[in-house]
Amino acid sequence: MSWRLVYTRQAQKDAKKLAASGLRPKAESLLALLAEDPCRRPPPFERLVGDLAGACSRRINIQHRLVYQVLEEERVVKILRMWTHFE
C-alpha cells in the first residue's frame, strides 16, 4: 500500500526553484520512493535534530535536501522543504 504525499506551502515554493535549477528529475525520483516506502534504503536518509527534530532528510544534490515527516497512523509523508534546510 502506498503512502500519500502532502506538501507544505514552502515545499510548493521550493518545487518551483527545483524546476528552474534543473533538479526536478532527481526530486521526482525521491518523491516516488517516499510514496512507496519512506524508510527504504538506499538512498540513505538522516533523522534531523534541533528545530526540525522528528523530520528526516534525503539529499537531492550536495547542497539541497528533501526534508519530510512521516505520519505513521495516517500513512502520510509530509514534505516540508525541497531546497536547502539551512536557510
N, C-alpha and C. Protein backbone atom coordinates (compact mmCIF):
# COMPACT_ATOMS: atom_id res chain seq x y z
N MET A 1 0.85 -1.19 0.00
CA MET A 1 0.00 0.00 0.00
C MET A 1 0.89 1.25 0.00
N SER A 2 0.56 2.20 -0.83
CA SER A 2 1.42 3.38 -0.97
C SER A 2 1.07 4.45 0.06
N TRP A 3 1.97 5.36 0.22
CA TRP A 3 1.83 6.47 1.15
C TRP A 3 1.36 7.70 0.39
N ARG A 4 0.59 8.55 1.06
CA ARG A 4 0.10 9.78 0.44
C ARG A 4 1.10 10.90 0.76
N LEU A 5 1.46 11.67 -0.25
CA LEU A 5 2.38 12.80 -0.07
C LEU A 5 1.58 14.09 0.09
N VAL A 6 1.94 14.87 1.10
CA VAL A 6 1.31 16.16 1.36
C VAL A 6 2.41 17.20 1.39
N TYR A 7 2.19 18.33 0.72
CA TYR A 7 3.23 19.37 0.58
C TYR A 7 2.86 20.62 1.37
N THR A 8 3.83 21.17 2.10
CA THR A 8 3.62 22.46 2.76
C THR A 8 3.72 23.56 1.71
N ARG A 9 3.31 24.75 2.08
CA ARG A 9 3.42 25.89 1.15
C ARG A 9 4.87 26.14 0.77
N GLN A 10 5.76 26.01 1.76
CA GLN A 10 7.18 26.22 1.49
C GLN A 10 7.70 25.19 0.50
N ALA A 11 7.27 23.95 0.63
CA ALA A 11 7.70 22.90 -0.30
C ALA A 11 7.20 23.20 -1.70
N GLN A 12 6.01 23.75 -1.82
CA GLN A 12 5.49 24.10 -3.14
C GLN A 12 6.32 25.22 -3.77
N LYS A 13 6.73 26.18 -2.97
CA LYS A 13 7.61 27.25 -3.47
C LYS A 13 8.96 26.67 -3.88
N ASP A 14 9.47 25.74 -3.06
CA ASP A 14 10.75 25.12 -3.35
C ASP A 14 10.71 24.32 -4.64
N ALA A 15 9.57 23.71 -4.95
CA ALA A 15 9.43 22.92 -6.18
C ALA A 15 9.66 23.80 -7.41
N LYS A 16 9.23 25.04 -7.36
CA LYS A 16 9.45 25.96 -8.48
C LYS A 16 10.95 26.25 -8.65
N LYS A 17 11.65 26.40 -7.52
CA LYS A 17 13.10 26.64 -7.58
C LYS A 17 13.81 25.41 -8.16
N LEU A 18 13.37 24.23 -7.76
CA LEU A 18 13.98 23.00 -8.27
C LEU A 18 13.81 22.88 -9.78
N ALA A 19 12.61 23.18 -10.25
CA ALA A 19 12.34 23.09 -11.69
C ALA A 19 13.24 24.06 -12.46
N ALA A 20 13.42 25.26 -11.91
CA ALA A 20 14.25 26.26 -12.57
C ALA A 20 15.74 25.88 -12.55
N SER A 21 16.16 25.13 -11.54
CA SER A 21 17.57 24.79 -11.42
C SER A 21 17.94 23.47 -12.10
N GLY A 22 16.96 22.76 -12.65
CA GLY A 22 17.23 21.51 -13.35
C GLY A 22 17.31 20.29 -12.45
N LEU A 23 16.91 20.42 -11.19
CA LEU A 23 16.96 19.30 -10.24
C LEU A 23 15.63 18.55 -10.12
N ARG A 24 14.68 18.92 -10.94
CA ARG A 24 13.35 18.30 -10.84
C ARG A 24 13.35 16.78 -11.00
N PRO A 25 14.07 16.21 -11.99
CA PRO A 25 14.04 14.74 -12.14
C PRO A 25 14.53 14.00 -10.90
N LYS A 26 15.59 14.49 -10.28
CA LYS A 26 16.11 13.85 -9.07
C LYS A 26 15.10 13.93 -7.93
N ALA A 27 14.48 15.10 -7.76
CA ALA A 27 13.48 15.28 -6.71
C ALA A 27 12.27 14.38 -6.95
N GLU A 28 11.84 14.28 -8.20
CA GLU A 28 10.70 13.42 -8.51
C GLU A 28 11.00 11.95 -8.22
N SER A 29 12.22 11.51 -8.47
CA SER A 29 12.55 10.12 -8.17
C SER A 29 12.54 9.88 -6.66
N LEU A 30 13.00 10.85 -5.87
CA LEU A 30 12.95 10.72 -4.42
C LEU A 30 11.51 10.72 -3.91
N LEU A 31 10.67 11.56 -4.49
CA LEU A 31 9.26 11.61 -4.09
C LEU A 31 8.56 10.29 -4.41
N ALA A 32 8.88 9.70 -5.54
CA ALA A 32 8.29 8.40 -5.90
C ALA A 32 8.73 7.33 -4.89
N LEU A 33 9.97 7.37 -4.49
CA LEU A 33 10.48 6.44 -3.49
C LEU A 33 9.75 6.62 -2.15
N LEU A 34 9.52 7.88 -1.75
CA LEU A 34 8.82 8.15 -0.49
C LEU A 34 7.37 7.67 -0.55
N ALA A 35 6.74 7.76 -1.71
CA ALA A 35 5.37 7.30 -1.84
C ALA A 35 5.28 5.77 -1.69
N GLU A 36 6.33 5.06 -2.07
CA GLU A 36 6.37 3.61 -1.91
C GLU A 36 6.66 3.23 -0.47
N ASP A 37 7.77 3.75 0.07
CA ASP A 37 8.19 3.42 1.44
C ASP A 37 9.15 4.51 1.92
N PRO A 38 8.73 5.37 2.85
CA PRO A 38 9.58 6.49 3.29
C PRO A 38 10.82 6.07 4.08
N CYS A 39 10.89 4.82 4.51
CA CYS A 39 12.05 4.36 5.30
C CYS A 39 12.98 3.47 4.50
N ARG A 40 12.72 3.30 3.22
CA ARG A 40 13.53 2.40 2.39
C ARG A 40 14.92 2.99 2.14
N ARG A 41 15.89 2.12 2.14
CA ARG A 41 17.27 2.48 1.80
C ARG A 41 17.69 1.61 0.64
N PRO A 42 18.60 1.95 -0.21
CA PRO A 42 19.16 3.26 -0.46
C PRO A 42 18.15 4.15 -1.19
N PRO A 43 18.35 5.40 -1.35
CA PRO A 43 19.45 6.21 -0.83
C PRO A 43 19.28 6.43 0.67
N PRO A 44 20.38 6.71 1.36
CA PRO A 44 20.31 6.88 2.81
C PRO A 44 19.54 8.13 3.20
N PHE A 45 18.98 8.10 4.38
CA PHE A 45 18.33 9.29 4.92
C PHE A 45 18.88 9.52 6.32
N GLU A 46 18.71 10.73 6.81
CA GLU A 46 19.15 11.01 8.18
C GLU A 46 18.03 11.67 8.95
N ARG A 47 17.95 11.34 10.22
CA ARG A 47 16.97 11.96 11.11
C ARG A 47 17.56 13.28 11.59
N LEU A 48 16.74 14.32 11.56
CA LEU A 48 17.22 15.66 11.90
C LEU A 48 17.01 15.95 13.38
N VAL A 49 17.79 16.89 13.90
CA VAL A 49 17.70 17.32 15.29
C VAL A 49 17.48 18.83 15.33
N GLY A 50 17.29 19.37 16.50
CA GLY A 50 17.11 20.82 16.63
C GLY A 50 15.70 21.24 16.26
N ASP A 51 15.59 22.31 15.49
CA ASP A 51 14.29 22.84 15.09
C ASP A 51 13.48 21.83 14.27
N LEU A 52 14.17 20.98 13.54
CA LEU A 52 13.50 20.01 12.67
C LEU A 52 13.51 18.61 13.27
N ALA A 53 13.57 18.51 14.59
CA ALA A 53 13.57 17.20 15.24
C ALA A 53 12.31 16.43 14.86
N GLY A 54 12.47 15.17 14.56
CA GLY A 54 11.35 14.34 14.14
C GLY A 54 11.21 14.25 12.63
N ALA A 55 11.95 15.08 11.91
CA ALA A 55 11.91 15.06 10.45
C ALA A 55 13.12 14.28 9.93
N CYS A 56 13.04 13.90 8.67
CA CYS A 56 14.13 13.19 8.00
C CYS A 56 14.52 13.97 6.76
N SER A 57 15.71 13.70 6.26
CA SER A 57 16.12 14.36 5.01
C SER A 57 16.87 13.39 4.13
N ARG A 58 16.73 13.61 2.83
CA ARG A 58 17.49 12.87 1.82
C ARG A 58 18.09 13.90 0.88
N ARG A 59 19.27 13.60 0.39
CA ARG A 59 19.97 14.54 -0.49
C ARG A 59 19.38 14.54 -1.90
N ILE A 60 19.12 15.74 -2.42
CA ILE A 60 18.79 15.92 -3.83
C ILE A 60 20.11 16.07 -4.58
N ASN A 61 21.00 16.90 -4.04
CA ASN A 61 22.38 17.01 -4.52
C ASN A 61 23.24 17.39 -3.33
N ILE A 62 24.45 17.83 -3.55
CA ILE A 62 25.36 18.12 -2.45
C ILE A 62 24.85 19.24 -1.55
N GLN A 63 24.10 20.18 -2.09
CA GLN A 63 23.63 21.33 -1.32
C GLN A 63 22.18 21.20 -0.87
N HIS A 64 21.32 20.68 -1.71
CA HIS A 64 19.88 20.70 -1.45
C HIS A 64 19.37 19.36 -0.95
N ARG A 65 18.37 19.45 -0.08
CA ARG A 65 17.80 18.26 0.53
C ARG A 65 16.29 18.28 0.48
N LEU A 66 15.72 17.10 0.51
CA LEU A 66 14.28 16.94 0.63
C LEU A 66 14.03 16.60 2.10
N VAL A 67 13.30 17.46 2.80
CA VAL A 67 13.04 17.29 4.23
C VAL A 67 11.58 16.90 4.40
N TYR A 68 11.32 15.85 5.18
CA TYR A 68 9.96 15.34 5.32
C TYR A 68 9.71 14.74 6.69
N GLN A 69 8.43 14.62 7.04
CA GLN A 69 8.00 13.95 8.25
C GLN A 69 7.14 12.76 7.85
N VAL A 70 7.23 11.69 8.59
CA VAL A 70 6.41 10.51 8.35
C VAL A 70 5.35 10.44 9.43
N LEU A 71 4.09 10.46 9.02
CA LEU A 71 2.96 10.33 9.94
C LEU A 71 2.40 8.92 9.78
N GLU A 72 2.85 8.02 10.65
CA GLU A 72 2.57 6.59 10.53
C GLU A 72 1.08 6.27 10.52
N GLU A 73 0.32 6.83 11.48
CA GLU A 73 -1.08 6.47 11.63
C GLU A 73 -1.91 6.78 10.39
N GLU A 74 -1.64 7.93 9.78
CA GLU A 74 -2.40 8.35 8.59
C GLU A 74 -1.80 7.84 7.29
N ARG A 75 -0.61 7.21 7.36
CA ARG A 75 0.15 6.79 6.17
C ARG A 75 0.37 7.97 5.24
N VAL A 76 0.88 9.05 5.84
CA VAL A 76 1.13 10.30 5.12
C VAL A 76 2.59 10.68 5.28
N VAL A 77 3.18 11.14 4.19
CA VAL A 77 4.53 11.73 4.22
C VAL A 77 4.34 13.22 3.95
N LYS A 78 4.69 14.03 4.93
CA LYS A 78 4.54 15.49 4.82
C LYS A 78 5.86 16.07 4.36
N ILE A 79 5.88 16.62 3.15
CA ILE A 79 7.08 17.22 2.57
C ILE A 79 7.20 18.64 3.10
N LEU A 80 8.26 18.90 3.87
CA LEU A 80 8.45 20.21 4.49
C LEU A 80 9.25 21.16 3.60
N ARG A 81 10.35 20.69 3.05
CA ARG A 81 11.23 21.51 2.22
C ARG A 81 11.79 20.67 1.09
N MET A 82 12.09 21.32 -0.02
CA MET A 82 12.75 20.64 -1.14
C MET A 82 13.91 21.47 -1.65
N TRP A 83 14.40 22.34 -0.85
CA TRP A 83 15.55 23.17 -1.21
C TRP A 83 16.55 22.95 -0.09
N THR A 84 17.23 23.93 0.37
CA THR A 84 18.16 23.73 1.47
C THR A 84 17.44 23.97 2.79
N HIS A 85 17.72 23.19 3.82
CA HIS A 85 17.07 23.44 5.11
C HIS A 85 17.96 24.26 6.03
N PHE A 86 19.04 24.83 5.49
CA PHE A 86 19.95 25.63 6.29
C PHE A 86 19.64 27.12 6.19
N GLU A 87 18.67 27.50 5.35
CA GLU A 87 18.34 28.94 5.19
C GLU A 87 17.58 29.46 6.39
